[in-house]
């Protein structure tokens, strides 16, 4: 994490126009320096050094934005700007985001905090910030043209309001939303309860991440912003598997998962080996009497879902979106199905005309994950990632929840692959499987060993027949 002092001094952002009607005299003395993060790794939780205490979250492949206290007000500084995001090793995208990353940093506050957020616009067009799900004064809602003037390039605006209720929220533009959100402009917001809450449990691990989708052609760097449905990159916090870090938890830990969806479709988020309860939405915590166990929770567009579970089964458990195309990378559309088609002869002829041509998926698509195919520059394979037993054949919205009994509190380091106890791993049978059994024939059974002609007689009923 680096200081942005030189960046701001050069741009003149410190002296840029500020919405004076929303800014007190104390805040006008100086704008806090914005922090910058370039690493795509999951950063450790940011323990609160000032302000009220809380149990911090861990942003998957992300980080929490530092703040300063100014006469009892918690001040943050967001910089909207073009960024380069590594979505997986060898694959980078030219996106728009905040403070060096897309999504932007997580903002963590405590219920009742007075919050002041400076927003500097370093984009080539105007922007604003909408605080998705928050209760606040209408003029702070961040809808350009409706509740405020848009933030012009090079200008700084300030938002100030009280975090009135605990919960899981988001922030994103409400100015040229189609372009700016398609380019990756979004971030997470968590408001922690100030005291023990009857519907909010204390947890040992608290993870959060946003769902996002892009349409980036193989070999390209910039998303196509006009796409409505045919996205080919499905991501968690603008990372795709195998670039998504594992979620590391201790055995018997109570784990909270906060998931927000700013894509163009819903996502059924599925956990293996455990069951979770929906304990909160962007509307607040759900009453305990309304909860039921699930292994899949659907997160619709514009929604937040907060799930909790007890990690009481050791191992490496898959955690992913259950839409099968969403666990793939760099997919092409309108590709014909070639399963069962013998392509050897025609592939040989094509390769004479097109050097490097490779036949596609005659036995299913997993064979593509096992090939060392030459890819266009800046492209991630459709299915990739190595596990302890071979290729995983997964991509996109996929990660692993690693449950370990020896993990100490506060340790989020990847512990490596799980060591399975003897006799607990599915394995190949030593002898060929027997033919499928059939029920024995009974007397009167009409099944025949060879086809025969069957004569069928049809009689039209008479009027007096019943």
Protein backbone atom coordinates (compact mmCIF):
# COMPACT_ATOMS: atom_id res chain seq x y z
CA UNK A 1 0.00 0.00 0.00
CA UNK A 2 1.47 3.31 -1.08
CA UNK A 3 0.82 7.01 -0.49
CA UNK A 4 -0.82 9.02 -3.26
CA UNK A 5 0.69 12.39 -2.17
CA UNK A 6 2.65 12.92 -5.38
CA UNK A 7 -0.28 11.80 -7.49
CA UNK A 8 -2.62 14.27 -5.86
CA UNK A 9 -0.13 17.14 -5.89
CA UNK A 10 0.42 16.68 -9.60
CA UNK A 11 -3.27 16.50 -10.42
CA UNK A 12 -4.31 19.41 -8.26
CA UNK A 13 -6.99 17.29 -6.61
CA UNK A 14 -6.33 18.76 -3.18
CA UNK A 15 -7.45 22.16 -4.39
CA UNK A 16 -10.18 20.81 -6.68
CA UNK A 17 -13.76 21.88 -6.30
CA UNK A 18 -15.46 20.47 -3.21
CA UNK A 19 -19.17 20.47 -2.48
CA UNK A 20 -19.01 23.13 0.24
CA UNK A 21 -22.62 22.69 1.30
CA UNK A 22 -21.84 19.22 2.60
CA UNK A 23 -18.39 19.98 4.01
CA UNK A 24 -17.60 21.36 7.46
CA UNK A 25 -14.81 23.85 8.14
CA UNK A 26 -12.67 21.22 9.87
CA UNK A 27 -12.74 18.96 6.82
CA UNK A 28 -11.88 21.78 4.41
CA UNK A 29 -8.47 22.25 6.04
CA UNK A 30 -7.09 19.22 4.20
CA UNK A 31 -8.28 16.17 2.30
CA UNK A 32 -6.92 12.85 3.58
CA UNK A 33 -4.38 11.14 1.39
CA UNK A 34 -5.89 8.23 -0.52
CA UNK A 35 -4.26 4.83 -0.13
CA UNK A 36 -3.31 2.74 -3.17
CA UNK A 37 -3.24 -1.04 -3.52
CA UNK A 38 -1.78 -2.85 -6.52
CA UNK A 39 -1.47 -6.43 -5.26
CA UNK A 40 -4.24 -8.84 -6.35
CA UNK A 41 -3.72 -10.98 -3.23
CA UNK A 42 -6.09 -11.19 -0.29
CA UNK A 43 -4.89 -8.64 2.25
CA UNK A 44 -5.03 -9.34 6.01
CA UNK A 45 -7.96 -7.82 7.92
CA UNK A 46 -7.49 -4.16 8.86
CA UNK A 47 -7.71 -3.97 12.65
CA UNK A 48 -9.29 -0.68 13.77
CA UNK A 49 -6.61 1.54 15.32
CA UNK A 50 -9.02 4.44 15.86
CA UNK A 51 -12.75 4.73 16.32
CA UNK A 52 -15.02 2.11 17.82
CA UNK A 53 -13.79 -1.50 17.84
CA UNK A 54 -15.20 -4.20 15.58
CA UNK A 55 -14.30 -7.61 14.17
CA UNK A 56 -12.93 -6.80 10.67
CA UNK A 57 -13.81 -8.58 7.44
CA UNK A 58 -11.44 -10.17 4.94
CA UNK A 59 -12.05 -9.12 1.33
CA UNK A 60 -11.33 -12.01 -1.02
CA UNK A 61 -8.49 -10.87 -3.30
CA UNK A 62 -9.00 -7.37 -1.97
CA UNK A 63 -8.40 -5.01 0.95
CA UNK A 64 -10.01 -2.54 3.36
CA UNK A 65 -9.62 1.22 2.88
CA UNK A 66 -7.79 2.99 5.74
CA UNK A 67 -9.35 6.09 7.30
CA UNK A 68 -8.50 8.95 9.58
CA UNK A 69 -10.48 10.38 12.49
CA UNK A 70 -11.21 14.10 12.20
CA UNK A 71 -13.01 15.53 15.25
CA UNK A 72 -15.05 12.37 15.67
CA UNK A 73 -15.76 11.88 11.96
CA UNK A 74 -14.35 8.87 10.09
CA UNK A 75 -12.85 10.17 6.83
CA UNK A 76 -12.06 8.15 3.70
CA UNK A 77 -10.77 9.09 0.26
CA UNK A 78 -11.80 7.24 -2.90
CA UNK A 79 -10.12 7.95 -6.25
CA UNK A 80 -12.07 6.85 -9.32
CA UNK A 81 -9.51 6.03 -12.00
CA UNK A 82 -8.44 3.65 -14.78
CA UNK A 83 -6.69 0.59 -13.33
CA UNK A 84 -4.96 -2.56 -14.52
CA UNK A 85 -6.33 -5.63 -12.74
CA UNK A 86 -4.62 -9.00 -12.87
CA UNK A 87 -7.60 -11.35 -13.15
CA UNK A 88 -5.43 -14.49 -13.09
CA UNK A 89 -1.70 -15.13 -13.59
CA UNK A 90 -0.93 -14.17 -17.20
CA UNK A 91 -4.24 -12.39 -17.72
CA UNK A 92 -4.70 -8.66 -17.07
CA UNK A 93 -7.59 -6.36 -17.87
CA UNK A 94 -7.76 -2.61 -18.39
CA UNK A 95 -10.63 -1.63 -16.10
CA UNK A 96 -11.97 1.35 -14.18
CA UNK A 97 -11.97 1.19 -10.41
CA UNK A 98 -10.96 2.94 -7.22
CA UNK A 99 -7.60 3.45 -5.53
CA UNK A 100 -5.67 1.23 -7.91
CA UNK A 101 -8.03 -1.74 -8.06
CA UNK A 102 -11.30 -3.06 -9.37
CA UNK A 103 -13.38 -3.63 -7.35
CA UNK A 104 -12.43 -0.76 -5.11
CA UNK A 105 -11.41 -1.23 -1.47
CA UNK A 106 -13.93 -2.33 1.15
CA UNK A 107 -15.16 0.42 3.46
CA UNK A 108 -15.71 -0.71 7.07
CA UNK A 109 -17.50 1.42 9.66
CA UNK A 110 -19.50 0.92 12.84
CA UNK A 111 -23.21 1.56 13.32
CA UNK A 112 -23.65 5.17 14.41
CA UNK A 113 -20.35 6.39 12.88
CA UNK A 114 -20.36 9.78 11.22
CA UNK A 115 -18.70 9.10 7.86
CA UNK A 116 -17.15 11.53 5.39
CA UNK A 117 -16.01 10.18 2.00
CA UNK A 118 -14.03 12.33 -0.43
CA UNK A 119 -14.33 11.17 -4.05
CA UNK A 120 -11.77 12.39 -6.60
CA UNK A 121 -12.56 11.75 -10.26
CA UNK A 122 -9.58 10.77 -12.43
CA UNK A 123 -11.73 9.20 -15.15
CA UNK A 124 -12.09 10.73 -18.63
CA UNK A 125 -15.81 11.39 -17.97
CA UNK A 126 -18.05 12.50 -15.11
CA UNK A 127 -19.05 10.09 -12.33
CA UNK A 128 -20.79 9.84 -8.95
CA UNK A 129 -21.03 7.30 -6.13
CA UNK A 130 -24.25 5.67 -4.99
CA UNK A 131 -24.17 4.06 -1.53
CA UNK A 132 -26.27 1.00 -2.36
CA UNK A 133 -28.68 0.03 0.45
CA UNK A 134 -27.82 2.85 2.85
CA UNK A 135 -30.31 5.00 4.74
CA UNK A 136 -29.05 8.58 4.29
CA UNK A 137 -30.11 12.11 3.30
CA UNK A 138 -31.49 12.25 -0.23
CA UNK A 139 -28.77 14.63 -1.38
CA UNK A 140 -26.09 12.05 -0.46
CA UNK A 141 -27.62 9.20 -2.50
CA UNK A 142 -25.25 9.76 -5.42
CA UNK A 143 -27.55 9.79 -8.46
CA UNK A 144 -26.05 12.35 -10.85
CA UNK A 145 -28.56 14.81 -12.23
CA UNK A 146 -31.22 13.78 -9.69
CA UNK A 147 -29.71 14.25 -6.25
CA UNK A 148 -26.41 15.95 -7.12
CA UNK A 149 -24.38 17.44 -9.91
CA UNK A 150 -22.05 14.91 -11.54
CA UNK A 151 -18.40 14.88 -10.46
CA UNK A 152 -16.48 16.26 -13.45
CA UNK A 153 -13.03 14.91 -14.37
CA UNK A 154 -10.37 16.31 -12.06
CA UNK A 155 -12.87 17.40 -9.39
CA UNK A 156 -13.41 16.18 -5.83
CA UNK A 157 -16.79 15.86 -4.12
CA UNK A 158 -17.54 14.92 -0.56
CA UNK A 159 -20.33 12.75 0.86
CA UNK A 160 -21.20 12.87 4.55
CA UNK A 161 -23.80 10.88 6.48
CA UNK A 162 -24.28 8.65 9.48
CA UNK A 163 -24.04 4.86 9.17
CA UNK A 164 -27.49 4.31 10.62
CA UNK A 165 -27.86 0.53 10.56
CA UNK A 166 -25.56 -2.49 10.53
CA UNK A 167 -25.36 -4.63 7.44
CA UNK A 168 -23.71 -5.50 4.15
CA UNK A 169 -23.82 -2.91 1.38
CA UNK A 170 -22.13 -1.82 -1.86
CA UNK A 171 -21.03 1.34 -3.63
CA UNK A 172 -21.03 2.01 -7.37
CA UNK A 173 -21.57 4.87 -9.85
CA UNK A 174 -24.95 6.25 -10.83
CA UNK A 175 -23.53 8.15 -13.81
CA UNK A 176 -23.09 6.47 -17.20
CA UNK A 177 -23.74 3.34 -15.18
CA UNK A 178 -23.71 0.99 -18.17
CA UNK A 179 -20.14 1.97 -19.06
CA UNK A 180 -18.69 2.45 -15.61
CA UNK A 181 -20.04 -0.72 -14.00
CA UNK A 182 -19.19 -2.76 -17.11
CA UNK A 183 -15.64 -1.45 -16.67
CA UNK A 184 -15.50 -2.65 -13.05
CA UNK A 185 -16.46 0.33 -10.89
CA UNK A 186 -17.90 -1.07 -7.65
CA UNK A 187 -16.91 -1.75 -4.08
CA UNK A 188 -18.04 -3.29 -0.80
CA UNK A 189 -19.31 -1.55 2.33
CA UNK A 190 -19.72 -3.21 5.74
CA UNK A 191 -21.35 -1.52 8.72
CA UNK A 192 -20.61 -3.45 11.91
CA UNK A 193 -23.03 -3.41 14.87
CA UNK A 194 -21.99 -1.09 17.72
CA UNK A 195 -23.24 -3.54 20.39
CA UNK A 196 -24.36 -7.14 20.50
CA UNK A 197 -27.32 -7.59 18.18
CA UNK A 198 -29.94 -10.33 18.68
CA UNK A 199 -29.86 -11.26 14.96
CA UNK A 200 -26.12 -10.79 14.30
CA UNK A 201 -23.83 -13.54 15.58
CA UNK A 202 -20.20 -13.09 16.48
CA UNK A 203 -18.11 -15.01 13.96
CA UNK A 204 -14.54 -16.28 13.77
CA UNK A 205 -14.05 -15.58 10.04
CA UNK A 206 -15.86 -12.94 8.00
CA UNK A 207 -15.29 -12.94 4.21
CA UNK A 208 -16.76 -10.64 1.56
CA UNK A 209 -16.57 -10.40 -2.22
CA UNK A 210 -18.50 -9.02 -5.20
CA UNK A 211 -19.71 -10.98 -8.23
CA UNK A 212 -18.83 -9.38 -11.55
CA UNK A 213 -18.80 -10.27 -15.23
CA UNK A 214 -16.92 -9.00 -18.27
CA UNK A 215 -16.85 -9.56 -22.01
CA UNK A 216 -13.18 -9.55 -22.96
CA UNK A 217 -12.17 -11.13 -26.27
CA UNK A 218 -9.22 -13.55 -26.11
CA UNK A 219 -6.06 -11.53 -26.61
CA UNK A 220 -7.79 -8.26 -25.63
CA UNK A 221 -7.43 -6.12 -22.50
CA UNK A 222 -10.55 -3.94 -22.39
CA UNK A 223 -14.14 -5.14 -21.73
CA UNK A 224 -16.83 -4.60 -24.34
CA UNK A 225 -19.30 -2.35 -22.58
CA UNK A 226 -22.28 -2.88 -24.92
CA UNK A 227 -22.66 -6.57 -24.04
CA UNK A 228 -26.02 -7.40 -22.48
CA UNK A 229 -25.97 -11.18 -22.02
CA UNK A 230 -23.03 -12.97 -23.65
CA UNK A 231 -20.31 -12.43 -21.07
CA UNK A 232 -17.27 -14.72 -21.19
CA UNK A 233 -15.43 -13.80 -17.98
CA UNK A 234 -17.23 -14.58 -14.70
CA UNK A 235 -15.35 -13.28 -11.69
CA UNK A 236 -15.26 -12.82 -7.93
CA UNK A 237 -13.75 -9.45 -7.10
CA UNK A 238 -12.46 -9.26 -10.69
CA UNK A 239 -10.49 -12.49 -10.28
CA UNK A 240 -11.12 -15.83 -12.01
CA UNK A 241 -10.03 -19.28 -10.92
CA UNK A 242 -7.23 -20.27 -10.48
CA UNK A 243 -6.55 -16.64 -9.56
CA UNK A 244 -9.13 -16.63 -6.74
CA UNK A 245 -7.57 -17.25 -3.33
CA UNK A 246 -8.90 -20.03 -1.07
CA UNK A 247 -11.03 -19.19 1.94
CA UNK A 248 -8.99 -20.50 4.86
CA UNK A 249 -10.89 -21.32 8.07
CA UNK A 250 -10.36 -23.31 11.25
CA UNK A 251 -12.28 -26.42 12.23
CA UNK A 252 -15.42 -25.48 14.21
CA UNK A 253 -15.11 -21.82 13.17
CA UNK A 254 -18.33 -19.90 12.61
CA UNK A 255 -17.83 -18.42 9.14
CA UNK A 256 -19.70 -15.54 7.53
CA UNK A 257 -19.77 -15.10 3.75
CA UNK A 258 -20.97 -11.74 2.39
CA UNK A 259 -21.68 -11.81 -1.36
CA UNK A 260 -22.89 -8.93 -3.54
CA UNK A 261 -24.05 -9.23 -7.15
CA UNK A 262 -23.51 -6.43 -9.68
CA UNK A 263 -23.59 -8.61 -12.80
CA UNK A 264 -26.42 -8.91 -15.36
CA UNK A 265 -27.74 -12.25 -14.09
CA UNK A 266 -28.38 -14.21 -10.90
CA UNK A 267 -25.82 -16.57 -9.37
CA UNK A 268 -26.64 -19.68 -7.29
CA UNK A 269 -23.70 -19.79 -4.87
CA UNK A 270 -23.07 -23.38 -3.76
CA UNK A 271 -21.03 -24.80 -0.89
CA UNK A 272 -19.78 -28.38 -0.59
CA UNK A 273 -19.66 -30.41 2.60
CA UNK A 274 -21.65 -27.96 4.75
CA UNK A 275 -24.97 -26.15 5.01
CA UNK A 276 -25.38 -22.44 5.55
CA UNK A 277 -28.13 -20.07 6.63
CA UNK A 278 -28.97 -16.70 5.07
CA UNK A 279 -28.43 -14.40 8.04
CA UNK A 280 -28.67 -11.06 6.27
CA UNK A 281 -29.50 -9.15 3.10
CA UNK A 282 -28.88 -5.58 1.98
CA UNK A 283 -32.08 -4.82 3.90
CA UNK A 284 -30.48 -5.88 7.18
CA UNK A 285 -30.12 -9.01 9.32
CA UNK A 286 -32.76 -11.69 8.83
CA UNK A 287 -34.73 -12.71 11.96
CA UNK A 288 -33.56 -16.05 13.31
CA UNK A 289 -37.06 -17.54 13.05
CA UNK A 290 -37.06 -16.95 9.28
CA UNK A 291 -33.87 -18.88 8.49
CA UNK A 292 -33.49 -22.37 7.07
CA UNK A 293 -30.49 -24.46 5.98
CA UNK A 294 -29.32 -24.37 2.36
CA UNK A 295 -26.36 -25.60 0.34
CA UNK A 296 -27.11 -23.16 -2.52
CA UNK A 297 -28.15 -19.53 -2.15
CA UNK A 298 -29.30 -17.59 -5.21
CA UNK A 299 -27.97 -14.03 -5.33
CA UNK A 300 -30.01 -11.95 -7.75
CA UNK A 301 -28.90 -8.81 -9.60
CA UNK A 302 -28.35 -5.88 -7.25
CA UNK A 303 -28.68 -8.06 -4.14
CA UNK A 304 -26.48 -8.80 -1.16
CA UNK A 305 -26.66 -12.12 0.66
CA UNK A 306 -24.98 -12.88 3.95
CA UNK A 307 -24.55 -16.60 4.73
CA UNK A 308 -23.12 -18.32 7.78
CA UNK A 309 -22.03 -21.87 8.55
CA UNK A 310 -20.06 -23.88 11.08
CA UNK A 311 -16.92 -25.32 9.47
CA UNK A 312 -17.23 -28.72 11.15
CA UNK A 313 -15.93 -30.91 8.29
CA UNK A 314 -12.19 -30.88 7.60
CA UNK A 315 -10.99 -30.85 4.02
CA UNK A 316 -10.79 -28.84 0.81
CA UNK A 317 -14.38 -28.04 -0.12
CA UNK A 318 -15.42 -26.59 -3.47
CA UNK A 319 -17.28 -23.27 -3.36
CA UNK A 320 -18.67 -21.91 -6.62
CA UNK A 321 -21.50 -20.56 -8.72
CA UNK A 322 -23.68 -23.48 -9.83
CA UNK A 323 -24.31 -22.14 -13.33
CA UNK A 324 -21.93 -24.41 -15.21
CA UNK A 325 -20.78 -21.80 -17.73
CA UNK A 326 -19.86 -19.50 -14.87
CA UNK A 327 -17.07 -21.85 -13.82
CA UNK A 328 -15.24 -21.41 -17.13
CA UNK A 329 -12.98 -18.70 -18.53
CA UNK A 330 -12.67 -16.97 -21.91
CA UNK A 331 -15.56 -18.87 -23.43
CA UNK A 332 -16.52 -18.46 -27.06
CA UNK A 333 -20.17 -18.22 -28.11
CA UNK A 334 -21.77 -20.07 -31.02
CA UNK A 335 -19.21 -22.90 -30.82
CA UNK A 336 -20.69 -26.14 -32.24
CA UNK A 337 -20.81 -29.31 -30.13
CA UNK A 338 -18.25 -31.80 -31.53
CA UNK A 339 -18.81 -34.66 -29.07
CA UNK A 340 -18.73 -37.97 -30.92
CA UNK A 341 -17.50 -36.42 -34.17
CA UNK A 342 -14.35 -38.01 -35.57
CA UNK A 343 -12.24 -35.04 -36.59
CA UNK A 344 -8.89 -36.70 -37.22
CA UNK A 345 -9.00 -36.71 -41.01
CA UNK A 346 -10.48 -33.25 -41.44
CA UNK A 347 -8.20 -31.80 -38.74
CA UNK A 348 -5.17 -33.02 -40.69
CA UNK A 349 -6.39 -31.25 -43.82
CA UNK A 350 -7.21 -28.05 -41.96
CA UNK A 351 -3.82 -28.01 -40.22
CA UNK A 352 -2.13 -28.01 -43.63
CA UNK A 353 -3.92 -24.73 -44.37
CA UNK A 354 -3.98 -23.29 -40.82
CA UNK A 355 -0.77 -24.04 -38.91
CA UNK A 356 -1.41 -24.70 -35.23
CA UNK A 357 -5.05 -25.70 -35.72
CA UNK A 358 -6.36 -27.97 -32.96
CA UNK A 359 -9.58 -29.95 -32.97
CA UNK A 360 -12.05 -29.04 -30.24
CA UNK A 361 -13.84 -31.23 -27.74
CA UNK A 362 -14.61 -34.50 -29.54
CA UNK A 363 -14.84 -36.30 -26.17
CA UNK A 364 -16.12 -33.44 -24.06
CA UNK A 365 -14.47 -30.18 -23.04
CA UNK A 366 -12.37 -31.52 -20.16
CA UNK A 367 -9.82 -32.77 -22.67
CA UNK A 368 -9.14 -29.13 -23.47
CA UNK A 369 -8.04 -28.58 -19.86
CA UNK A 370 -5.47 -31.34 -20.21
CA UNK A 371 -3.91 -29.97 -23.40
CA UNK A 372 -1.04 -27.53 -23.34
CA UNK A 373 -2.71 -25.33 -25.93
CA UNK A 374 -1.05 -22.23 -27.26
CA UNK A 375 -3.29 -19.32 -26.32
CA UNK A 376 -3.51 -15.74 -27.57
CA UNK A 377 -1.53 -13.27 -25.53
CA UNK A 378 -3.27 -12.11 -22.33
CA UNK A 379 -5.79 -14.96 -22.25
CA UNK A 380 -6.57 -17.44 -19.50
CA UNK A 381 -7.52 -21.04 -20.42
CA UNK A 382 -11.20 -21.98 -20.28
CA UNK A 383 -10.63 -24.64 -17.62
CA UNK A 384 -7.46 -24.77 -15.60
CA UNK A 385 -5.98 -25.12 -12.15
CA UNK A 386 -4.13 -28.09 -10.67
CA UNK A 387 -5.31 -30.00 -7.62
CA UNK A 388 -3.62 -32.77 -5.65
CA UNK A 389 -5.14 -35.41 -7.95
CA UNK A 390 -4.72 -33.66 -11.30
CA UNK A 391 -6.37 -30.94 -13.34
CA UNK A 392 -9.47 -29.41 -11.78
CA UNK A 393 -11.05 -28.44 -15.10
CA UNK A 394 -12.64 -25.35 -13.52
CA UNK A 395 -12.42 -21.60 -13.97
CA UNK A 396 -14.42 -18.45 -13.36
CA UNK A 397 -16.48 -18.27 -10.17
CA UNK A 398 -14.79 -21.08 -8.26
CA UNK A 399 -12.69 -21.33 -5.14
CA UNK A 400 -11.94 -23.72 -2.29
CA UNK A 401 -12.88 -23.45 1.38
CA UNK A 402 -9.97 -25.01 3.27
CA UNK A 403 -11.01 -26.23 6.73
CA UNK A 404 -8.13 -27.16 9.06
CA UNK A 405 -8.16 -28.14 12.72
CA UNK A 406 -4.62 -26.86 13.36
CA UNK A 407 -5.28 -23.33 12.09
CA UNK A 408 -4.68 -20.53 14.58
CA UNK A 409 -6.95 -17.52 14.91
CA UNK A 410 -5.97 -14.73 12.53
CA UNK A 411 -4.02 -17.05 10.22
CA UNK A 412 -5.29 -16.82 6.63
CA UNK A 413 -2.25 -18.36 4.93
CA UNK A 414 -2.96 -21.11 2.42
CA UNK A 415 -2.22 -24.38 4.27
CA UNK A 416 -1.73 -26.41 1.08
CA UNK A 417 -3.79 -29.41 0.08
CA UNK A 418 -5.66 -31.51 2.61
CA UNK A 419 -4.06 -34.74 3.81
CA UNK A 420 -6.86 -37.29 3.64
CA UNK A 421 -7.04 -40.04 6.29
CA UNK A 422 -6.42 -43.53 4.92
CA UNK A 423 -9.43 -45.09 3.27
CA UNK A 424 -11.36 -41.83 2.77
CA UNK A 425 -10.58 -41.10 -0.90
CA UNK A 426 -12.58 -42.51 -3.80
CA UNK A 427 -10.32 -44.73 -5.92
CA UNK A 428 -10.34 -47.00 -8.94
CA UNK A 429 -11.75 -50.50 -8.52
CA UNK A 430 -9.07 -53.18 -8.95
CA UNK A 431 -11.22 -55.39 -11.19
CA UNK A 432 -13.64 -54.53 -14.00
CA UNK A 433 -17.13 -53.73 -12.90
CA UNK A 434 -19.71 -56.44 -13.59
CA UNK A 435 -22.46 -55.94 -16.14
CA UNK A 436 -25.53 -54.12 -14.87
CA UNK A 437 -27.92 -56.51 -13.20
CA UNK A 438 -31.42 -57.04 -14.59
CA UNK A 439 -34.50 -58.23 -12.79
CA UNK A 440 -35.23 -61.89 -13.54
CA UNK A 441 -37.93 -62.61 -16.06
CA UNK A 442 -41.31 -63.53 -14.61
CA UNK A 443 -43.92 -65.80 -16.12
CA UNK A 444 -45.80 -63.95 -18.78
CA UNK A 445 -42.92 -61.54 -19.31
CA UNK A 446 -43.29 -60.19 -22.85
CA UNK A 447 -39.64 -59.15 -23.20
CA UNK A 448 -38.02 -60.92 -26.15
CA UNK A 449 -34.40 -61.64 -27.00
CA UNK A 450 -34.86 -60.92 -30.71
CA UNK A 451 -37.18 -58.52 -32.50
CA UNK A 452 -40.33 -60.12 -33.92
CA UNK A 453 -43.30 -58.85 -35.86
CA UNK A 454 -46.31 -58.18 -33.71
CA UNK A 455 -49.78 -58.23 -35.22
CA UNK A 456 -52.09 -55.60 -33.78
CA UNK A 457 -55.85 -55.85 -34.34
CA UNK A 458 -58.01 -52.78 -33.91
CA UNK A 459 -61.79 -52.99 -33.62
CA UNK A 460 -63.94 -49.91 -33.92
CA UNK A 461 -66.51 -49.94 -31.10
CA UNK A 462 -70.17 -50.16 -32.03
CA UNK A 463 -72.69 -47.65 -30.83
CA UNK A 464 -74.04 -50.05 -28.21
CA UNK A 465 -70.54 -50.82 -26.83
CA UNK A 466 -69.69 -49.15 -23.51
